[in-house]
């Protein structure tokens, strides 16, 4: 009877060890993705700031975003 209990305990310990390893791997992935998202947010902010500065340099201060700018300056084929 104790061998049956010992086997069940060993199985549970093995299962928990695998779960712990999987949780650690997932945590590493989530942390990496968080860092990538932060980097991309900074990149987008830099690009948006450049776009805003370019619009201001062109005297387009009244347009609030790129979509407004595009719709105001449609190419002749539209």
PDB file of N, CA and C in Angstrom:
ATOM      1  N   UNK A   1       0.815  -1.202   0.000  1.00  0.00           N
ATOM      2  CA  UNK A   1       0.000   0.000   0.000  1.00  0.00           C
ATOM      3  C   UNK A   1       0.858   1.266   0.000  1.00  0.00           C
ATOM      4  N   UNK A   2       1.947   1.229   0.711  1.00  0.00           N
ATOM      5  CA  UNK A   2       2.810   2.419   0.716  1.00  0.00           C
ATOM      6  C   UNK A   2       3.479   2.636  -0.634  1.00  0.00           C
ATOM      7  N   UNK A   3       3.757   1.581  -1.367  1.00  0.00           N
ATOM      8  CA  UNK A   3       4.362   1.780  -2.688  1.00  0.00           C
ATOM      9  C   UNK A   3       3.389   2.470  -3.630  1.00  0.00           C
ATOM     10  N   UNK A   4       2.102   2.129  -3.517  1.00  0.00           N
ATOM     11  CA  UNK A   4       1.086   2.802  -4.342  1.00  0.00           C
ATOM     12  C   UNK A   4       1.027   4.279  -3.983  1.00  0.00           C
ATOM     13  N   UNK A   5       1.052   4.600  -2.717  1.00  0.00           N
ATOM     14  CA  UNK A   5       1.042   5.997  -2.269  1.00  0.00           C
ATOM     15  C   UNK A   5       2.343   6.693  -2.671  1.00  0.00           C
ATOM     16  N   UNK A   6       3.464   5.970  -2.563  1.00  0.00           N
ATOM     17  CA  UNK A   6       4.748   6.544  -2.952  1.00  0.00           C
ATOM     18  C   UNK A   6       4.775   6.855  -4.449  1.00  0.00           C
ATOM     19  N   UNK A   7       4.212   5.969  -5.256  1.00  0.00           N
ATOM     20  CA  UNK A   7       4.144   6.200  -6.700  1.00  0.00           C
ATOM     21  C   UNK A   7       3.277   7.410  -7.015  1.00  0.00           C
ATOM     22  N   UNK A   8       2.128   7.501  -6.343  1.00  0.00           N
ATOM     23  CA  UNK A   8       1.243   8.654  -6.565  1.00  0.00           C
ATOM     24  C   UNK A   8       1.927   9.943  -6.148  1.00  0.00           C
ATOM     25  N   UNK A   9       2.635   9.913  -5.028  1.00  0.00           N
ATOM     26  CA  UNK A   9       3.343  11.101  -4.558  1.00  0.00           C
ATOM     27  C   UNK A   9       4.443  11.489  -5.548  1.00  0.00           C
ATOM     28  N   UNK A  10       5.175  10.491  -6.036  1.00  0.00           N
ATOM     29  CA  UNK A  10       6.233  10.759  -7.016  1.00  0.00           C
ATOM     30  C   UNK A  10       5.641  11.331  -8.307  1.00  0.00           C
ATOM     31  N   UNK A  11       4.515  10.783  -8.738  1.00  0.00           N
ATOM     32  CA  UNK A  11       3.848  11.308  -9.939  1.00  0.00           C
ATOM     33  C   UNK A  11       3.425  12.760  -9.743  1.00  0.00           C
ATOM     34  N   UNK A  12       2.877  13.062  -8.581  1.00  0.00           N
ATOM     35  CA  UNK A  12       2.443  14.428  -8.298  1.00  0.00           C
ATOM     36  C   UNK A  12       3.632  15.387  -8.240  1.00  0.00           C
ATOM     37  N   UNK A  13       4.727  14.936  -7.641  1.00  0.00           N
ATOM     38  CA  UNK A  13       5.917  15.777  -7.572  1.00  0.00           C
ATOM     39  C   UNK A  13       6.476  16.037  -8.970  1.00  0.00           C
ATOM     40  N   UNK A  14       6.466  15.024  -9.803  1.00  0.00           N
ATOM     41  CA  UNK A  14       6.935  15.182 -11.181  1.00  0.00           C
ATOM     42  C   UNK A  14       6.035  16.146 -11.949  1.00  0.00           C
ATOM     43  N   UNK A  15       4.730  16.001 -11.756  1.00  0.00           N
ATOM     44  CA  UNK A  15       3.766  16.885 -12.414  1.00  0.00           C
ATOM     45  C   UNK A  15       3.981  18.329 -11.973  1.00  0.00           C
ATOM     46  N   UNK A  16       4.173  18.531 -10.697  1.00  0.00           N
ATOM     47  CA  UNK A  16       4.397  19.892 -10.177  1.00  0.00           C
ATOM     48  C   UNK A  16       5.699  20.463 -10.713  1.00  0.00           C
ATOM     49  N   UNK A  17       6.731  19.639 -10.804  1.00  0.00           N
ATOM     50  CA  UNK A  17       8.012  20.110 -11.337  1.00  0.00           C
ATOM     51  C   UNK A  17       7.860  20.558 -12.794  1.00  0.00           C
ATOM     52  N   UNK A  18       7.109  19.798 -13.592  1.00  0.00           N
ATOM     53  CA  UNK A  18       6.868  20.188 -14.985  1.00  0.00           C
ATOM     54  C   UNK A  18       6.051  21.474 -15.059  1.00  0.00           C
ATOM     55  N   UNK A  19       5.062  21.586 -14.195  1.00  0.00           N
ATOM     56  CA  UNK A  19       4.245  22.806 -14.169  1.00  0.00           C
ATOM     57  C   UNK A  19       5.106  24.014 -13.804  1.00  0.00           C
ATOM     58  N   UNK A  20       5.977  23.851 -12.818  1.00  0.00           N
ATOM     59  CA  UNK A  20       6.847  24.941 -12.386  1.00  0.00           C
ATOM     60  C   UNK A  20       7.766  25.377 -13.525  1.00  0.00           C
ATOM     61  N   UNK A  21       8.326  24.414 -14.241  1.00  0.00           N
ATOM     62  CA  UNK A  21       9.201  24.737 -15.374  1.00  0.00           C
ATOM     63  C   UNK A  21       8.435  25.478 -16.456  1.00  0.00           C
ATOM     64  N   UNK A  22       7.225  25.015 -16.736  1.00  0.00           N
ATOM     65  CA  UNK A  22       6.416  25.660 -17.769  1.00  0.00           C
ATOM     66  C   UNK A  22       6.039  27.082 -17.367  1.00  0.00           C
ATOM     67  N   UNK A  23       5.723  27.287 -16.108  1.00  0.00           N
ATOM     68  CA  UNK A  23       5.392  28.633 -15.619  1.00  0.00           C
ATOM     69  C   UNK A  23       6.596  29.552 -15.757  1.00  0.00           C
ATOM     70  N   UNK A  24       7.779  29.068 -15.424  1.00  0.00           N
ATOM     71  CA  UNK A  24       8.993  29.882 -15.559  1.00  0.00           C
ATOM     72  C   UNK A  24       9.250  30.248 -17.022  1.00  0.00           C
ATOM     73  N   UNK A  25       9.058  29.293 -17.924  1.00  0.00           N
ATOM     74  CA  UNK A  25       9.253  29.577 -19.355  1.00  0.00           C
ATOM     75  C   UNK A  25       8.250  30.610 -19.850  1.00  0.00           C
ATOM     76  N   UNK A  26       6.997  30.468 -19.428  1.00  0.00           N
ATOM     77  CA  UNK A  26       5.976  31.441 -19.837  1.00  0.00           C
ATOM     78  C   UNK A  26       6.273  32.821 -19.270  1.00  0.00           C
ATOM     79  N   UNK A  27       6.765  32.866 -18.049  1.00  0.00           N
ATOM     80  CA  UNK A  27       7.115  34.147 -17.443  1.00  0.00           C
ATOM     81  C   UNK A  27       8.229  34.833 -18.224  1.00  0.00           C
ATOM     82  N   UNK A  28       9.216  34.070 -18.661  1.00  0.00           N
ATOM     83  CA  UNK A  28      10.297  34.640 -19.464  1.00  0.00           C
ATOM     84  C   UNK A  28       9.760  35.208 -20.777  1.00  0.00           C
ATOM     85  N   UNK A  29       8.841  34.487 -21.390  1.00  0.00           N
ATOM     86  CA  UNK A  29       8.260  34.950 -22.660  1.00  0.00           C
ATOM     87  C   UNK A  29       7.455  36.229 -22.448  1.00  0.00           C
ATOM     88  N   UNK A  30       6.655  36.259 -21.398  1.00  0.00           N
ATOM     89  CA  UNK A  30       5.837  37.449 -21.117  1.00  0.00           C
ATOM     90  C   UNK A  30       6.734  38.647 -20.820  1.00  0.00           C
ATOM     91  N   UNK A  31       7.787  38.432 -20.066  1.00  0.00           N
ATOM     92  CA  UNK A  31       8.721  39.515 -19.763  1.00  0.00           C
ATOM     93  C   UNK A  31       9.382  40.036 -21.035  1.00  0.00           C
ATOM     94  N   UNK A  32       9.806  39.132 -21.899  1.00  0.00           N
ATOM     95  CA  UNK A  32      10.428  39.528 -23.173  1.00  0.00           C
ATOM     96  C   UNK A  32       9.436  40.315 -24.033  1.00  0.00           C
ATOM     97  N   UNK A  33       8.213  39.847 -24.118  1.00  0.00           N
ATOM     98  CA  UNK A  33       7.211  40.548 -24.917  1.00  0.00           C
ATOM     99  C   UNK A  33       6.895  41.921 -24.331  1.00  0.00           C
ATOM    100  N   UNK A  34       6.879  42.017 -23.012  1.00  0.00           N
ATOM    101  CA  UNK A  34       6.661  43.316 -22.370  1.00  0.00           C
ATOM    102  C   UNK A  34       7.749  44.303 -22.742  1.00  0.00           C
ATOM    103  N   UNK A  35       8.985  43.820 -22.746  1.00  0.00           N
ATOM    104  CA  UNK A  35      10.104  44.683 -23.139  1.00  0.00           C
ATOM    105  C   UNK A  35       9.988  45.108 -24.597  1.00  0.00           C
ATOM    106  N   UNK A  36       9.597  44.175 -25.457  1.00  0.00           N
ATOM    107  CA  UNK A  36       9.423  44.515 -26.873  1.00  0.00           C
ATOM    108  C   UNK A  36       8.299  45.523 -27.059  1.00  0.00           C
ATOM    109  N   UNK A  37       7.219  45.377 -26.316  1.00  0.00           N
ATOM    110  CA  UNK A  37       6.106  46.327 -26.418  1.00  0.00           C
ATOM    111  C   UNK A  37       6.559  47.713 -25.968  1.00  0.00           C
ATOM    112  N   UNK A  38       7.325  47.782 -24.883  1.00  0.00           N
ATOM    113  CA  UNK A  38       7.832  49.072 -24.426  1.00  0.00           C
ATOM    114  C   UNK A  38       8.711  49.730 -25.479  1.00  0.00           C
ATOM    115  N   UNK A  39       9.566  48.929 -26.117  1.00  0.00           N
ATOM    116  CA  UNK A  39      10.438  49.452 -27.175  1.00  0.00           C
ATOM    117  C   UNK A  39       9.614  49.973 -28.346  1.00  0.00           C
ATOM    118  N   UNK A  40       8.598  49.211 -28.741  1.00  0.00           N
ATOM    119  CA  UNK A  40       7.747  49.639 -29.855  1.00  0.00           C
ATOM    120  C   UNK A  40       6.955  50.896 -29.512  1.00  0.00           C
ATOM    121  N   UNK A  41       6.495  51.020 -28.268  1.00  0.00           N
ATOM    122  CA  UNK A  41       5.787  52.235 -27.850  1.00  0.00           C
ATOM    123  C   UNK A  41       6.696  53.451 -27.966  1.00  0.00           C
ATOM    124  N   UNK A  42       7.944  53.306 -27.542  1.00  0.00           N
ATOM    125  CA  UNK A  42       8.896  54.412 -27.653  1.00  0.00           C
ATOM    126  C   UNK A  42       9.133  54.773 -29.119  1.00  0.00           C
ATOM    127  N   UNK A  43       9.262  53.750 -29.959  1.00  0.00           N
ATOM    128  CA  UNK A  43       9.482  53.972 -31.392  1.00  0.00           C
ATOM    129  C   UNK A  43       8.301  54.723 -32.005  1.00  0.00           C
ATOM    130  N   UNK A  44       7.092  54.296 -31.696  1.00  0.00           N
ATOM    131  CA  UNK A  44       5.893  54.947 -32.232  1.00  0.00           C
ATOM    132  C   UNK A  44       5.810  56.387 -31.749  1.00  0.00           C
ATOM    133  N   UNK A  45       6.128  56.621 -30.478  1.00  0.00           N
ATOM    134  CA  UNK A  45       6.085  57.984 -29.955  1.00  0.00           C
ATOM    135  C   UNK A  45       7.079  58.880 -30.682  1.00  0.00           C
ATOM    136  N   UNK A  46       8.276  58.372 -30.914  1.00  0.00           N
ATOM    137  CA  UNK A  46       9.285  59.144 -31.641  1.00  0.00           C
ATOM    138  C   UNK A  46       8.791  59.485 -33.044  1.00  0.00           C
ATOM    139  N   UNK A  47       8.210  58.495 -33.725  1.00  0.00           N
ATOM    140  CA  UNK A  47       7.722  58.726 -35.089  1.00  0.00           C
ATOM    141  C   UNK A  47       6.552  59.721 -35.094  1.00  0.00           C
ATOM    142  N   UNK A  48       5.645  59.597 -34.134  1.00  0.00           N
ATOM    143  CA  UNK A  48       4.528  60.544 -34.070  1.00  0.00           C
ATOM    144  C   UNK A  48       5.014  61.961 -33.795  1.00  0.00           C
ATOM    145  N   UNK A  49       6.004  62.080 -32.923  1.00  0.00           N
ATOM    146  CA  UNK A  49       6.573  63.404 -32.649  1.00  0.00           C
ATOM    147  C   UNK A  49       7.197  63.992 -33.911  1.00  0.00           C
ATOM    148  N   UNK A  50       7.892  63.160 -34.699  1.00  0.00           N
ATOM    149  CA  UNK A  50       8.489  63.635 -35.943  1.00  0.00           C
ATOM    150  C   UNK A  50       7.419  64.080 -36.929  1.00  0.00           C
ATOM    151  N   UNK A  51       6.338  63.320 -37.010  1.00  0.00           N
ATOM    152  CA  UNK A  51       5.247  63.674 -37.921  1.00  0.00           C
ATOM    153  C   UNK A  51       4.629  65.003 -37.497  1.00  0.00           C
ATOM    154  N   UNK A  52       4.382  65.159 -36.205  1.00  0.00           N
ATOM    155  CA  UNK A  52       3.808  66.414 -35.709  1.00  0.00           C
ATOM    156  C   UNK A  52       4.731  67.584 -35.994  1.00  0.00           C
ATOM    157  N   UNK A  53       6.018  67.381 -35.776  1.00  0.00           N
ATOM    158  CA  UNK A  53       6.982  68.456 -36.046  1.00  0.00           C
ATOM    159  C   UNK A  53       7.018  68.802 -37.532  1.00  0.00           C
ATOM    160  N   UNK A  54       6.957  67.798 -38.388  1.00  0.00           N
ATOM    161  CA  UNK A  54       6.954  68.054 -39.833  1.00  0.00           C
ATOM    162  C   UNK A  54       5.704  68.815 -40.244  1.00  0.00           C
ATOM    163  N   UNK A  55       4.570  68.458 -39.683  1.00  0.00           N
ATOM    164  CA  UNK A  55       3.336  69.177 -40.004  1.00  0.00           C
ATOM    165  C   UNK A  55       3.408  70.620 -39.545  1.00  0.00           C
ATOM    166  N   UNK A  56       3.963  70.830 -38.374  1.00  0.00           N
ATOM    167  CA  UNK A  56       4.094  72.199 -37.878  1.00  0.00           C
ATOM    168  C   UNK A  56       5.056  72.997 -38.752  1.00  0.00           C
ATOM    169  N   UNK A  57       6.138  72.353 -39.192  1.00  0.00           N
ATOM    170  CA  UNK A  57       7.093  73.034 -40.067  1.00  0.00           C
ATOM    171  C   UNK A  57       6.452  73.411 -41.398  1.00  0.00           C
ATOM    172  N   UNK A  58       5.490  72.625 -41.843  1.00  0.00           N
ATOM    173  CA  UNK A  58       4.811  72.906 -43.101  1.00  0.00           C
ATOM    174  C   UNK A  58       3.649  73.883 -42.922  1.00  0.00           C
ATOM    175  N   UNK A  59       3.413  74.302 -41.704  1.00  0.00           N
ATOM    176  CA  UNK A  59       2.316  75.219 -41.442  1.00  0.00           C
ATOM    177  C   UNK A  59       0.978  74.523 -41.398  1.00  0.00           C
ATOM    178  N   UNK A  60       0.981  73.274 -41.078  1.00  0.00           N
ATOM    179  CA  UNK A  60      -0.251  72.491 -41.031  1.00  0.00           C
ATOM    180  C   UNK A  60      -0.695  72.267 -39.581  1.00  0.00           C
ATOM    181  N   UNK A  61      -0.538  73.227 -38.745  1.00  0.00           N
ATOM    182  CA  UNK A  61      -0.829  73.073 -37.322  1.00  0.00           C
ATOM    183  C   UNK A  61      -2.302  72.801 -37.039  1.00  0.00           C
ATOM    184  N   UNK A  62      -3.195  73.185 -37.965  1.00  0.00           N
ATOM    185  CA  UNK A  62      -4.619  72.998 -37.706  1.00  0.00           C
ATOM    186  C   UNK A  62      -5.057  71.550 -37.878  1.00  0.00           C
ATOM    187  N   UNK A  63      -4.254  70.694 -38.522  1.00  0.00           N
ATOM    188  CA  UNK A  63      -4.590  69.282 -38.679  1.00  0.00           C
ATOM    189  C   UNK A  63      -4.085  68.528 -37.460  1.00  0.00           C
ATOM    190  N   UNK A  64      -4.966  67.749 -36.861  1.00  0.00           N
ATOM    191  CA  UNK A  64      -4.604  67.100 -35.600  1.00  0.00           C
ATOM    192  C   UNK A  64      -3.938  65.752 -35.778  1.00  0.00           C
ATOM    193  N   UNK A  65      -4.139  65.106 -36.927  1.00  0.00           N
ATOM    194  CA  UNK A  65      -3.504  63.801 -37.108  1.00  0.00           C
ATOM    195  C   UNK A  65      -3.243  63.533 -38.586  1.00  0.00           C
ATOM    196  N   UNK A  66      -2.597  62.434 -38.849  1.00  0.00           N
ATOM    197  CA  UNK A  66      -2.206  62.085 -40.206  1.00  0.00           C
ATOM    198  C   UNK A  66      -3.425  61.836 -41.086  1.00  0.00           C
ATOM    199  N   UNK A  67      -4.477  61.235 -40.535  1.00  0.00           N
ATOM    200  CA  UNK A  67      -5.690  60.974 -41.322  1.00  0.00           C
ATOM    201  C   UNK A  67      -6.316  62.269 -41.811  1.00  0.00           C
ATOM    202  N   UNK A  68      -6.356  63.266 -40.935  1.00  0.00           N
ATOM    203  CA  UNK A  68      -6.892  64.566 -41.346  1.00  0.00           C
ATOM    204  C   UNK A  68      -6.027  65.177 -42.443  1.00  0.00           C
ATOM    205  N   UNK A  69      -4.726  65.048 -42.283  1.00  0.00           N
ATOM    206  CA  UNK A  69      -3.811  65.591 -43.290  1.00  0.00           C
ATOM    207  C   UNK A  69      -4.005  64.901 -44.629  1.00  0.00           C
ATOM    208  N   UNK A  70      -4.154  63.580 -44.610  1.00  0.00           N
ATOM    209  CA  UNK A  70      -4.334  62.828 -45.854  1.00  0.00           C
ATOM    210  C   UNK A  70      -5.651  63.184 -46.531  1.00  0.00           C
ATOM    211  N   UNK A  71      -6.706  63.319 -45.754  1.00  0.00           N
ATOM    212  CA  UNK A  71      -7.996  63.641 -46.363  1.00  0.00           C
ATOM    213  C   UNK A  71      -8.025  65.077 -46.894  1.00  0.00           C
ATOM    214  N   UNK A  72      -7.272  65.960 -46.282  1.00  0.00           N
ATOM    215  CA  UNK A  72      -7.241  67.350 -46.742  1.00  0.00           C
ATOM    216  C   UNK A  72      -6.411  67.505 -48.007  1.00  0.00           C
ATOM    217  N   UNK A  73      -5.480  66.612 -48.226  1.00  0.00           N
ATOM    218  CA  UNK A  73      -4.589  66.708 -49.379  1.00  0.00           C
ATOM    219  C   UNK A  73      -4.673  65.456 -50.243  1.00  0.00           C
ATOM    220  N   UNK A  74      -5.871  65.149 -50.720  1.00  0.00           N
ATOM    221  CA  UNK A  74      -6.055  63.973 -51.554  1.00  0.00           C
ATOM    222  C   UNK A  74      -5.391  64.169 -52.916  1.00  0.00           C
ATOM    223  N   UNK A  75      -4.821  63.123 -53.463  1.00  0.00           N
ATOM    224  CA  UNK A  75      -4.226  63.211 -54.803  1.00  0.00           C
ATOM    225  C   UNK A  75      -5.325  63.500 -55.838  1.00  0.00           C
ATOM    226  N   UNK A  76      -4.947  64.014 -57.006  1.00  0.00           N
ATOM    227  CA  UNK A  76      -5.932  64.411 -58.015  1.00  0.00           C
ATOM    228  C   UNK A  76      -6.802  63.249 -58.527  1.00  0.00           C
ATOM    229  N   UNK A  77      -6.357  62.027 -58.460  1.00  0.00           N
ATOM    230  CA  UNK A  77      -7.150  60.910 -58.997  1.00  0.00           C
ATOM    231  C   UNK A  77      -8.289  60.501 -58.074  1.00  0.00           C
ATOM    232  N   UNK A  78      -8.457  61.135 -56.926  1.00  0.00           N
ATOM    233  CA  UNK A  78      -9.571  60.803 -56.033  1.00  0.00           C
ATOM    234  C   UNK A  78     -10.776  61.618 -56.313  1.00  0.00           C
TER     235      UNK A  78
END
